[in-house]
C-alpha atoms as a PDB file:
ATOM      1  CA  MET A   1     227.447 158.108  19.192  1.00  0.00           C
ATOM      2  CA  ILE A   2     225.065 155.399  20.429  1.00  0.00           C
ATOM      3  CA  THR A   3     221.448 155.646  19.265  1.00  0.00           C
ATOM      4  CA  LEU A   4     218.787 154.007  21.453  1.00  0.00           C
ATOM      5  CA  GLU A   5     215.084 153.743  20.627  1.00  0.00           C
ATOM      6  CA  ASP A   6     213.345 152.067  23.557  1.00  0.00           C
ATOM      7  CA  LEU A   7     212.414 154.164  26.636  1.00  0.00           C
ATOM      8  CA  SER A   8     211.111 151.051  28.429  1.00  0.00           C
ATOM      9  CA  ALA A   9     214.575 149.412  28.447  1.00  0.00           C
ATOM     10  CA  THR A  10     217.172 150.080  31.116  1.00  0.00           C
ATOM     11  CA  TYR A  11     220.611 151.431  30.056  1.00  0.00           C
ATOM     12  CA  SER A  12     223.789 151.664  32.083  1.00  0.00           C
ATOM     13  CA  LEU A  13     225.718 154.755  31.028  1.00  0.00           C
ATOM     14  CA  PRO A  14     228.959 156.144  32.460  1.00  0.00           C
ATOM     15  CA  ARG A  15     228.213 158.693  35.250  1.00  0.00           C
ATOM     16  CA  PRO A  16     227.913 161.552  35.639  1.00  0.00           C
ATOM     17  CA  CYS A  17     225.247 161.808  32.923  1.00  0.00           C
ATOM     18  CA  ALA A  18     223.849 165.136  31.622  1.00  0.00           C
ATOM     19  CA  LEU A  19     220.534 164.953  29.769  1.00  0.00           C
ATOM     20  CA  THR A  20     218.634 167.346  27.576  1.00  0.00           C
ATOM     21  CA  ILE A  21     215.183 166.910  26.047  1.00  0.00           C
ATOM     22  CA  GLY A  22     213.767 168.380  22.885  1.00  0.00           C
ATOM     23  CA  SER A  23     213.020 168.130  19.173  1.00  0.00           C
ATOM     24  CA  PHE A  24     216.424 169.543  18.174  1.00  0.00           C
ATOM     25  CA  ASP A  25     215.133 170.236  14.676  1.00  0.00           C
ATOM     26  CA  GLY A  26     217.994 171.645  12.695  1.00  0.00           C
ATOM     27  CA  VAL A  27     220.494 171.343  15.599  1.00  0.00           C
ATOM     28  CA  HIS A  28     220.926 175.175  15.459  1.00  0.00           C
ATOM     29  CA  LEU A  29     223.218 177.462  17.430  1.00  0.00           C
ATOM     30  CA  GLY A  30     220.840 177.519  20.410  1.00  0.00           C
ATOM     31  CA  HIS A  31     220.817 173.687  20.534  1.00  0.00           C
ATOM     32  CA  GLN A  32     224.591 173.648  20.206  1.00  0.00           C
ATOM     33  CA  ARG A  33     224.901 175.973  23.231  1.00  0.00           C
ATOM     34  CA  ILE A  34     222.842 173.493  25.321  1.00  0.00           C
ATOM     35  CA  LEU A  35     225.006 170.570  24.141  1.00  0.00           C
ATOM     36  CA  GLN A  36     228.150 172.490  25.096  1.00  0.00           C
ATOM     37  CA  LYS A  37     226.744 173.073  28.560  1.00  0.00           C
ATOM     38  CA  LEU A  38     226.033 169.346  28.947  1.00  0.00           C
ATOM     39  CA  ARG A  39     229.696 168.519  28.225  1.00  0.00           C
ATOM     40  CA  GLU A  40     230.810 171.158  30.693  1.00  0.00           C
ATOM     41  CA  LYS A  41     228.700 169.481  33.339  1.00  0.00           C
ATOM     42  CA  VAL A  42     230.130 165.977  32.894  1.00  0.00           C
ATOM     43  CA  GLY A  43     233.616 166.477  31.480  1.00  0.00           C
ATOM     44  CA  PRO A  44     235.248 164.192  28.955  1.00  0.00           C
ATOM     45  CA  MET A  45     234.580 160.946  30.871  1.00  0.00           C
ATOM     46  CA  GLY A  46     230.909 161.541  31.571  1.00  0.00           C
ATOM     47  CA  THR A  47     227.900 160.969  29.267  1.00  0.00           C
ATOM     48  CA  VAL A  48     226.107 163.633  27.198  1.00  0.00           C
ATOM     49  CA  CYS A  49     222.654 162.288  26.497  1.00  0.00           C
ATOM     50  CA  VAL A  50     219.879 163.703  24.305  1.00  0.00           C
ATOM     51  CA  LEU A  51     216.293 162.568  24.304  1.00  0.00           C
ATOM     52  CA  THR A  52     214.727 163.563  21.085  1.00  0.00           C
ATOM     53  CA  PHE A  53     211.872 162.483  18.865  1.00  0.00           C
ATOM     54  CA  SER A  54     211.758 160.566  15.568  1.00  0.00           C
ATOM     55  CA  ASN A  55     208.779 162.744  14.497  1.00  0.00           C
ATOM     56  CA  HIS A  56     207.932 166.343  15.346  1.00  0.00           C
ATOM     57  CA  PRO A  57     205.567 166.670  18.332  1.00  0.00           C
ATOM     58  CA  SER A  58     203.342 168.996  16.244  1.00  0.00           C
ATOM     59  CA  GLN A  59     202.269 165.986  14.207  1.00  0.00           C
ATOM     60  CA  VAL A  60     200.501 164.691  17.345  1.00  0.00           C
ATOM     61  CA  LEU A  61     199.620 167.959  19.008  1.00  0.00           C
ATOM     62  CA  PHE A  62     198.405 169.864  15.898  1.00  0.00           C
ATOM     63  CA  GLY A  63     197.276 167.010  13.634  1.00  0.00           C
ATOM     64  CA  GLU A  64     196.761 168.238  10.101  1.00  0.00           C
ATOM     65  CA  LYS A  65     199.229 171.153  10.311  1.00  0.00           C
ATOM     66  CA  PRO A  66     202.541 169.822  11.635  1.00  0.00           C
ATOM     67  CA  ALA A  67     205.600 172.037  11.578  1.00  0.00           C
ATOM     68  CA  PRO A  68     207.718 171.377   8.424  1.00  0.00           C
ATOM     69  CA  LEU A  69     211.013 169.689   9.413  1.00  0.00           C
ATOM     70  CA  ILE A  70     214.359 171.439   8.940  1.00  0.00           C
ATOM     71  CA  PHE A  71     216.138 168.098   9.246  1.00  0.00           C
ATOM     72  CA  SER A  72     215.167 164.538   8.588  1.00  0.00           C
ATOM     73  CA  LYS A  73     215.750 162.074  11.446  1.00  0.00           C
ATOM     74  CA  ASN A  74     219.013 160.876   9.942  1.00  0.00           C
ATOM     75  CA  LEU A  75     220.398 164.333   9.437  1.00  0.00           C
ATOM     76  CA  LYS A  76     219.502 165.279  12.981  1.00  0.00           C
ATOM     77  CA  LEU A  77     221.261 162.232  14.412  1.00  0.00           C
ATOM     78  CA  GLU A  78     224.322 162.927  12.286  1.00  0.00           C
ATOM     79  CA  ALA A  79     224.435 166.552  13.520  1.00  0.00           C
ATOM     80  CA  LEU A  80     224.081 165.498  17.192  1.00  0.00           C
ATOM     81  CA  ALA A  81     226.948 163.068  16.773  1.00  0.00           C
ATOM     82  CA  GLU A  82     229.124 165.841  15.242  1.00  0.00           C
ATOM     83  CA  CYS A  83     228.279 168.020  18.269  1.00  0.00           C
ATOM     84  CA  GLY A  84     229.843 165.400  20.568  1.00  0.00           C
ATOM     85  CA  VAL A  85     226.736 163.749  21.941  1.00  0.00           C
ATOM     86  CA  ASP A  86     227.488 160.325  23.393  1.00  0.00           C
ATOM     87  CA  VAL A  87     224.000 158.824  23.482  1.00  0.00           C
ATOM     88  CA  THR A  88     220.785 159.816  21.748  1.00  0.00           C
ATOM     89  CA  LEU A  89     217.549 158.268  22.869  1.00  0.00           C
ATOM     90  CA  CYS A  90     215.292 158.799  19.775  1.00  0.00           C
ATOM     91  CA  ILE A  91     211.681 157.819  20.424  1.00  0.00           C
ATOM     92  CA  PRO A  92     208.386 158.489  18.659  1.00  0.00           C
ATOM     93  CA  PHE A  93     206.294 161.329  20.061  1.00  0.00           C
ATOM     94  CA  THR A  94     202.917 159.735  20.554  1.00  0.00           C
ATOM     95  CA  GLN A  95     199.583 160.701  22.117  1.00  0.00           C
ATOM     96  CA  LYS A  96     200.405 158.336  24.954  1.00  0.00           C
ATOM     97  CA  LEU A  97     203.676 160.198  25.598  1.00  0.00           C
ATOM     98  CA  ALA A  98     201.891 163.526  25.346  1.00  0.00           C
ATOM     99  CA  SER A  99     199.365 162.485  27.976  1.00  0.00           C
ATOM    100  CA  LYS A 100     202.013 161.593  30.640  1.00  0.00           C
ATOM    101  CA  SER A 101     202.575 164.053  33.509  1.00  0.00           C
ATOM    102  CA  TYR A 102     206.024 165.539  33.726  1.00  0.00           C
ATOM    103  CA  ALA A 103     206.710 163.639  36.985  1.00  0.00           C
ATOM    104  CA  VAL A 104     205.810 160.254  35.481  1.00  0.00           C
ATOM    105  CA  PHE A 105     207.847 161.002  32.358  1.00  0.00           C
ATOM    106  CA  LEU A 106     210.972 162.004  34.245  1.00  0.00           C
ATOM    107  CA  GLU A 107     210.655 159.105  36.647  1.00  0.00           C
ATOM    108  CA  GLU A 108     210.453 156.655  33.726  1.00  0.00           C
ATOM    109  CA  LEU A 109     213.391 158.395  32.099  1.00  0.00           C
ATOM    110  CA  MET A 110     215.411 158.207  35.307  1.00  0.00           C
ATOM    111  CA  THR A 111     214.742 154.437  35.520  1.00  0.00           C
ATOM    112  CA  SER A 112     215.640 153.887  31.842  1.00  0.00           C
ATOM    113  CA  CYS A 113     218.642 156.185  31.629  1.00  0.00           C
ATOM    114  CA  PRO A 114     219.825 157.449  35.051  1.00  0.00           C
ATOM    115  CA  PHE A 115     220.982 161.042  34.856  1.00  0.00           C
ATOM    116  CA  ASP A 116     222.569 163.624  37.169  1.00  0.00           C
ATOM    117  CA  PHE A 117     221.840 166.853  35.311  1.00  0.00           C
ATOM    118  CA  LEU A 118     218.941 168.044  33.256  1.00  0.00           C
ATOM    119  CA  VAL A 119     219.720 171.041  30.996  1.00  0.00           C
ATOM    120  CA  VAL A 120     217.028 172.539  28.763  1.00  0.00           C
ATOM    121  CA  GLY A 121     216.188 175.806  27.064  1.00  0.00           C
ATOM    122  CA  ASP A 122     214.773 178.734  29.017  1.00  0.00           C
ATOM    123  CA  GLY A 123     211.035 178.425  29.525  1.00  0.00           C
ATOM    124  CA  ALA A 124     210.788 174.796  28.459  1.00  0.00           C
ATOM    125  CA  CYS A 125     207.791 173.024  29.998  1.00  0.00           C
ATOM    126  CA  LEU A 126     207.507 169.262  30.151  1.00  0.00           C
ATOM    127  CA  GLY A 127     204.667 166.791  30.286  1.00  0.00           C
ATOM    128  CA  LYS A 128     200.944 166.828  29.777  1.00  0.00           C
ATOM    129  CA  LYS A 129     199.567 170.333  29.030  1.00  0.00           C
ATOM    130  CA  ARG A 130     203.087 171.674  29.629  1.00  0.00           C
ATOM    131  CA  GLU A 131     202.461 171.412  33.370  1.00  0.00           C
ATOM    132  CA  GLY A 132     206.165 170.723  34.106  1.00  0.00           C
ATOM    133  CA  THR A 133     207.165 174.368  34.574  1.00  0.00           C
ATOM    134  CA  PRO A 134     210.734 175.276  35.430  1.00  0.00           C
ATOM    135  CA  LYS A 135     209.816 175.745  39.114  1.00  0.00           C
ATOM    136  CA  LYS A 136     208.046 172.336  39.297  1.00  0.00           C
ATOM    137  CA  VAL A 137     210.817 170.448  37.425  1.00  0.00           C
ATOM    138  CA  THR A 138     213.528 172.052  39.508  1.00  0.00           C
ATOM    139  CA  GLN A 139     211.734 170.963  42.714  1.00  0.00           C
ATOM    140  CA  LEU A 140     211.211 167.461  41.351  1.00  0.00           C
ATOM    141  CA  GLY A 141     214.909 167.322  40.537  1.00  0.00           C
ATOM    142  CA  LYS A 142     215.764 168.015  44.208  1.00  0.00           C
ATOM    143  CA  GLU A 143     213.495 165.182  45.235  1.00  0.00           C
ATOM    144  CA  MET A 144     214.795 162.724  42.562  1.00  0.00           C
ATOM    145  CA  GLY A 145     218.458 163.666  42.841  1.00  0.00           C
ATOM    146  CA  PHE A 146     219.255 165.594  39.641  1.00  0.00           C
ATOM    147  CA  ILE A 147     220.248 169.207  39.174  1.00  0.00           C
ATOM    148  CA  THR A 148     218.197 171.267  36.681  1.00  0.00           C
ATOM    149  CA  GLN A 149     219.507 174.184  34.595  1.00  0.00           C
ATOM    150  CA  TYR A 150     217.626 176.384  32.098  1.00  0.00           C
ATOM    151  CA  ILE A 151     219.774 178.019  29.391  1.00  0.00           C
ATOM    152  CA  PRO A 152     218.743 181.451  28.017  1.00  0.00           C
ATOM    153  CA  LYS A 153     217.748 181.511  24.401  1.00  0.00           C
ATOM    154  CA  ALA A 154     220.657 182.258  22.065  1.00  0.00           C
ATOM    155  CA  GLU A 155     220.665 185.339  19.848  1.00  0.00           C
ATOM    156  CA  LYS A 156     222.446 186.143  16.591  1.00  0.00           C
ATOM    157  CA  ASP A 157     222.281 189.387  14.584  1.00  0.00           C
ATOM    158  CA  ASP A 158     219.324 190.627  16.585  1.00  0.00           C
ATOM    159  CA  PHE A 159     217.428 187.356  16.068  1.00  0.00           C
ATOM    160  CA  VAL A 160     216.348 185.049  18.883  1.00  0.00           C
ATOM    161  CA  ILE A 161     217.384 181.705  17.540  1.00  0.00           C
ATOM    162  CA  SER A 162     214.621 179.109  17.295  1.00  0.00           C
ATOM    163  CA  SER A 163     213.643 176.377  14.854  1.00  0.00           C
ATOM    164  CA  GLY A 164     210.419 178.264  14.137  1.00  0.00           C
ATOM    165  CA  LYS A 165     212.348 181.447  13.075  1.00  0.00           C
ATOM    166  CA  ILE A 166     214.638 179.305  10.876  1.00  0.00           C
ATOM    167  CA  ARG A 167     211.630 177.700   9.184  1.00  0.00           C
ATOM    168  CA  GLU A 168     210.279 181.184   8.433  1.00  0.00           C
ATOM    169  CA  LEU A 169     213.579 182.158   6.859  1.00  0.00           C
ATOM    170  CA  ILE A 170     213.741 179.034   4.735  1.00  0.00           C
ATOM    171  CA  LEU A 171     210.199 179.356   3.542  1.00  0.00           C
ATOM    172  CA  SER A 172     210.869 183.002   2.593  1.00  0.00           C
ATOM    173  CA  GLY A 173     214.036 182.037   0.668  1.00  0.00           C
ATOM    174  CA  ASN A 174     216.494 183.761   3.018  1.00  0.00           C
ATOM    175  CA  LEU A 175     218.872 180.779   3.185  1.00  0.00           C
ATOM    176  CA  THR A 176     221.885 182.873   4.088  1.00  0.00           C
ATOM    177  CA  LYS A 177     220.300 184.102   7.347  1.00  0.00           C
ATOM    178  CA  ALA A 178     218.865 180.614   7.972  1.00  0.00           C
ATOM    179  CA  SER A 179     222.352 179.103   7.703  1.00  0.00           C
ATOM    180  CA  THR A 180     223.737 181.804  10.042  1.00  0.00           C
ATOM    181  CA  LEU A 181     221.232 180.867  12.762  1.00  0.00           C
ATOM    182  CA  LEU A 182     221.754 177.195  12.156  1.00  0.00           C
ATOM    183  CA  GLY A 183     225.494 177.553  12.420  1.00  0.00           C
ATOM    184  CA  HIS A 184     225.881 175.314   9.395  1.00  0.00           C
ATOM    185  CA  PRO A 185     224.539 175.139   5.843  1.00  0.00           C
ATOM    186  CA  LEU A 186     220.954 174.046   5.273  1.00  0.00           C
ATOM    187  CA  MET A 187     221.033 170.408   4.238  1.00  0.00           C
ATOM    188  CA  ILE A 188     218.515 167.938   2.848  1.00  0.00           C
ATOM    189  CA  GLU A 189     218.664 164.246   2.055  1.00  0.00           C
ATOM    190  CA  GLY A 190     216.720 161.948  -0.191  1.00  0.00           C
ATOM    191  CA  GLU A 191     216.924 159.446  -2.955  1.00  0.00           C
ATOM    192  CA  VAL A 192     217.674 160.329  -6.542  1.00  0.00           C
ATOM    193  CA  GLN A 193     215.331 158.719  -9.076  1.00  0.00           C
ATOM    194  CA  SER A 194     215.633 159.727 -12.724  1.00  0.00           C
ATOM    195  CA  GLN A 195     217.227 163.133 -11.913  1.00  0.00           C
ATOM    196  CA  HIS A 196     214.631 163.905  -9.250  1.00  0.00           C
ATOM    197  CA  LEU A 197     215.475 163.973  -5.500  1.00  0.00           C
ATOM    198  CA  ILE A 198     212.655 162.287  -3.570  1.00  0.00           C
ATOM    199  CA  ILE A 199     212.459 163.591  -0.052  1.00  0.00           C
ATOM    200  CA  ASP A 200     210.267 163.382   3.051  1.00  0.00           C
ATOM    201  CA  PRO A 201     207.010 165.301   2.140  1.00  0.00           C
ATOM    202  CA  ASN A 202     207.231 167.209   5.475  1.00  0.00           C
ATOM    203  CA  ILE A 203     210.705 168.682   4.910  1.00  0.00           C
ATOM    204  CA  CYS A 204     210.893 172.487   4.918  1.00  0.00           C
ATOM    205  CA  LEU A 205     211.922 173.757   1.450  1.00  0.00           C
ATOM    206  CA  PRO A 206     212.650 177.249   0.154  1.00  0.00           C
ATOM    207  CA  PRO A 207     210.401 178.796  -2.510  1.00  0.00           C
ATOM    208  CA  ASP A 208     210.392 177.552  -6.128  1.00  0.00           C
ATOM    209  CA  GLY A 209     213.464 178.526  -8.026  1.00  0.00           C
ATOM    210  CA  GLU A 210     217.021 177.593  -8.962  1.00  0.00           C
ATOM    211  CA  TYR A 211     219.565 177.011  -6.172  1.00  0.00           C
ATOM    212  CA  THR A 212     223.235 176.309  -5.949  1.00  0.00           C
ATOM    213  CA  ILE A 213     224.122 173.313  -3.844  1.00  0.00           C
ATOM    214  CA  LEU A 214     227.249 171.483  -2.753  1.00  0.00           C
ATOM    215  CA  VAL A 215     227.474 167.791  -3.564  1.00  0.00           C
ATOM    216  CA  ASN A 216     230.699 165.835  -2.997  1.00  0.00           C
ATOM    217  CA  ASN A 217     232.554 169.195  -2.489  1.00  0.00           C
ATOM    218  CA  LYS A 218     231.386 170.386  -5.945  1.00  0.00           C
ATOM    219  CA  LYS A 219     228.931 173.147  -6.689  1.00  0.00           C
ATOM    220  CA  GLU A 220     225.937 172.116  -8.768  1.00  0.00           C
ATOM    221  CA  THR A 221     222.427 173.424  -9.471  1.00  0.00           C
ATOM    222  CA  ILE A 222     218.979 172.188  -8.607  1.00  0.00           C
ATOM    223  CA  GLN A 223     215.483 173.401  -9.619  1.00  0.00           C
ATOM    224  CA  ILE A 224     212.612 173.401  -7.127  1.00  0.00           C
ATOM    225  CA  GLN A 225     209.124 173.481  -8.552  1.00  0.00           C
ATOM    226  CA  ASP A 226     205.980 172.569  -6.590  1.00  0.00           C
ATOM    227  CA  ARG A 227     208.197 170.687  -4.108  1.00  0.00           C
ATOM    228  CA  ARG A 228     209.755 168.689  -6.950  1.00  0.00           C
ATOM    229  CA  ILE A 229     213.548 168.818  -6.829  1.00  0.00           C
ATOM    230  CA  VAL A 230     215.155 168.378 -10.226  1.00  0.00           C
ATOM    231  CA  MET A 231     218.909 167.787 -10.434  1.00  0.00           C
ATOM    232  CA  GLN A 232     220.401 170.049 -13.115  1.00  0.00           C
ATOM    233  CA  PHE A 233     223.465 167.794 -13.503  1.00  0.00           C
ATOM    234  CA  PRO A 234     224.103 164.131 -14.307  1.00  0.00           C
ATOM    235  CA  ILE A 235     223.853 161.923 -11.236  1.00  0.00           C
ATOM    236  CA  ALA A 236     223.239 158.266 -10.673  1.00  0.00           C
ATOM    237  CA  ASN A 237     220.143 156.976  -8.820  1.00  0.00           C
ATOM    238  CA  GLY A 238     220.633 156.412  -5.070  1.00  0.00           C
ATOM    239  CA  LYS A 239     220.708 158.113  -1.705  1.00  0.00           C
ATOM    240  CA  MET A 240     222.334 161.533  -1.409  1.00  0.00           C
ATOM    241  CA  HIS A 241     222.818 164.513   0.852  1.00  0.00           C
ATOM    242  CA  LEU A 242     223.106 168.025  -0.426  1.00  0.00           C
ATOM    243  CA  ALA A 243     223.907 171.369   1.185  1.00  0.00           C
ATOM    244  CA  PHE A 244     222.562 174.730  -0.047  1.00  0.00           C
ATOM    245  CA  CYS A 245     225.317 177.293  -0.752  1.00  0.00           C
END
């Protein structure tokens, strides 16, 4: 997967190109359905492109109370690559971006990364004050030359799958159900320093307690206390990924 970080640059990608836009926090089953639809649109020789953000939009839109992240930026990019995404345009969500109209935003995106299909989740609204409703974006697509499709929200075990619901499950300690909706184990990454795993302060963690994790295909134990993660097994300092069992 190619990762790009400059919306002002111009990229020449194999056509047809199918694009989706969103935070993709956790890259859950609903996200995976959208990515599968993108591949269906363009086939094996076309380009599946994701525009996502290096920070969560809530950090700009809601200031002091941003949504806790299920995935770090690195884990999100790894998961997108595993889902078969060809190109990810990962840009910061800023106040300047939030203030752009949906039409200006999509026109700039078309100039930077020409696309033929736009596929997003049902009810998604784009641009300043969410003015880019499905009806308006579909009409703009006809004028600009791209086809728009809105995908119904995925459901699993009577749950409508969303990053918000998964955060609730993690915070309540229901990691089994969270993993079911994610379609993969809950993972975190950080740097080990003296038996402590140092992570992004905005990562969503389960309640304090002892948890079984998988590290290098081996089950181990960690202790979470006041957002401090203590490794209950010998491990050298350095970067690491772990998955909750």
